[in-house]
C-alpha cells in the first residue's frame, strides 16, 4: 500500500551538501510518519529523525541536529533530507521508512548511497 523511493545520493567532499528525496506513494490508507535512517556495513542501522504525517511535526536525533533538515512538500509526495557540512563519518546508505503506526515502519525504500570524501 505504501511505496517509497529514495534519490539524491552521491559523492561529495567533506564540508559539502546533499539533498536526499524520498518519494512517497500511498495507494490505500494513510501513514503515521516517514523516518530517515542510515546504515554503514557492519554497524547497526541508525535512526536520524522523522516527520509526523498528519501534523508535520519533525524530530531530529542529536547526531544530525543543526546540520540536517527534514522537510515535506505541500502535496505530501516527497520528504527531503537536506544534509549540510557533511563529514566522512556521514558516509552510509540512507533510507526512508514509513508505517501506519508510530511503533512500526514496515515500508522501506531501496536506499541511496552517500559517500563523503576527506
Protein backbone atom coordinates (compact mmCIF):
# COMPACT_ATOMS: atom_id res chain seq x y z
CA UNK A 1 0.00 0.00 0.00
CA UNK A 2 2.95 2.31 0.52
CA UNK A 3 5.86 2.73 -1.86
CA UNK A 4 8.98 4.70 -1.03
CA UNK A 5 11.86 5.56 -3.30
CA UNK A 6 14.97 7.49 -2.35
CA UNK A 7 17.15 9.55 -4.64
CA UNK A 8 19.84 12.20 -4.45
CA UNK A 9 22.78 10.29 -3.05
CA UNK A 10 26.27 10.56 -4.43
CA UNK A 11 29.86 11.51 -3.76
CA UNK A 12 30.62 14.80 -2.08
CA UNK A 13 33.66 16.35 -0.46
CA UNK A 14 33.80 16.99 3.26
CA UNK A 15 32.02 20.22 4.11
CA UNK A 16 29.67 19.90 1.18
CA UNK A 17 25.93 19.39 0.99
CA UNK A 18 23.49 16.91 -0.49
CA UNK A 19 19.73 16.81 -0.62
CA UNK A 20 18.06 13.43 -0.48
CA UNK A 21 14.49 12.86 -1.54
CA UNK A 22 12.03 10.17 -0.53
CA UNK A 23 9.13 9.87 -2.94
CA UNK A 24 6.08 8.66 -1.03
CA UNK A 25 3.23 6.85 -2.77
CA UNK A 26 0.27 5.78 -0.63
CA UNK A 27 -2.14 3.59 -2.51
CA UNK A 28 -4.54 2.96 0.36
CA UNK A 29 -4.96 4.13 3.94
CA UNK A 30 -2.51 6.52 5.50
CA UNK A 31 0.78 6.54 7.34
CA UNK A 32 1.80 7.89 10.71
CA UNK A 33 5.27 9.13 9.83
CA UNK A 34 8.20 8.97 7.46
CA UNK A 35 11.57 8.36 9.04
CA UNK A 36 15.14 8.64 7.80
CA UNK A 37 17.78 6.05 8.68
CA UNK A 38 21.34 5.38 7.65
CA UNK A 39 23.50 2.31 7.83
CA UNK A 40 27.17 1.58 7.46
CA UNK A 41 28.15 -2.01 6.63
CA UNK A 42 28.90 -3.91 9.81
CA UNK A 43 27.10 -1.41 12.03
CA UNK A 44 23.56 -1.12 13.32
CA UNK A 45 21.07 0.96 11.41
CA UNK A 46 20.89 4.48 12.83
CA UNK A 47 17.63 6.37 13.19
CA UNK A 48 18.08 10.00 12.16
CA UNK A 49 14.67 11.58 12.56
CA UNK A 50 11.11 11.66 11.31
CA UNK A 51 8.22 13.80 10.20
CA UNK A 52 4.74 13.04 11.52
CA UNK A 53 2.42 12.73 8.58
CA UNK A 54 -0.67 14.42 9.97
CA UNK A 55 0.89 17.33 11.88
CA UNK A 56 4.17 17.78 10.04
CA UNK A 57 6.00 17.78 13.35
CA UNK A 58 9.67 16.94 12.93
CA UNK A 59 12.07 15.19 15.27
CA UNK A 60 15.85 15.03 14.95
CA UNK A 61 18.34 12.91 16.80
CA UNK A 62 21.28 14.72 18.34
CA UNK A 63 23.64 13.23 15.77
CA UNK A 64 22.16 15.31 12.96
CA UNK A 65 20.50 18.23 14.73
CA UNK A 66 21.74 21.52 13.34
CA UNK A 67 23.27 20.00 10.19
CA UNK A 68 20.43 18.07 8.59
CA UNK A 69 16.90 19.28 7.87
CA UNK A 70 13.83 17.15 7.20
CA UNK A 71 11.03 18.68 5.18
CA UNK A 72 7.99 17.70 3.17
CA UNK A 73 6.35 19.23 0.12
CA UNK A 74 2.83 20.60 0.37
CA UNK A 75 1.43 17.81 -1.77
CA UNK A 76 2.79 15.24 0.68
CA UNK A 77 4.52 13.32 -2.09
CA UNK A 78 8.15 13.89 -1.14
CA UNK A 79 10.09 14.01 2.10
CA UNK A 80 13.54 15.55 1.85
CA UNK A 81 16.67 15.33 3.92
CA UNK A 82 18.93 18.34 3.40
CA UNK A 83 22.39 17.48 4.63
CA UNK A 84 24.93 20.24 5.22
CA UNK A 85 28.52 20.28 6.45
CA UNK A 86 28.91 16.65 5.56
CA UNK A 87 31.78 14.70 7.04
CA UNK A 88 33.32 11.33 6.13
CA UNK A 89 31.52 9.87 9.16
CA UNK A 90 28.24 10.60 7.36
CA UNK A 91 29.11 8.08 4.66
CA UNK A 92 26.34 5.50 4.68
CA UNK A 93 23.35 4.05 2.89
CA UNK A 94 20.45 6.40 3.61
CA UNK A 95 16.91 5.05 3.63
CA UNK A 96 13.45 6.32 4.32
CA UNK A 97 10.78 4.23 6.01
CA UNK A 98 7.11 4.56 6.84
CA UNK A 99 4.39 2.80 8.76
CA UNK A 100 0.72 3.07 9.56
CA UNK A 101 1.59 3.44 13.24
CA UNK A 102 4.43 5.04 15.16
CA UNK A 103 5.51 1.67 16.51
CA UNK A 104 6.50 0.09 13.24
CA UNK A 105 7.96 1.11 9.91
CA UNK A 106 7.39 -1.85 7.63
CA UNK A 107 7.72 0.07 4.37
CA UNK A 108 11.21 0.89 3.15
CA UNK A 109 12.83 2.34 0.10
CA UNK A 110 15.84 0.75 -1.53
CA UNK A 111 18.21 3.32 -0.08
CA UNK A 112 20.62 5.79 -1.64
CA UNK A 113 24.36 5.79 -1.04
CA UNK A 114 26.08 8.88 0.31
CA UNK A 115 29.86 8.95 0.25
CA UNK A 116 31.77 11.85 1.77
CA UNK A 117 35.44 12.12 0.86
CA UNK A 118 38.02 13.79 3.08
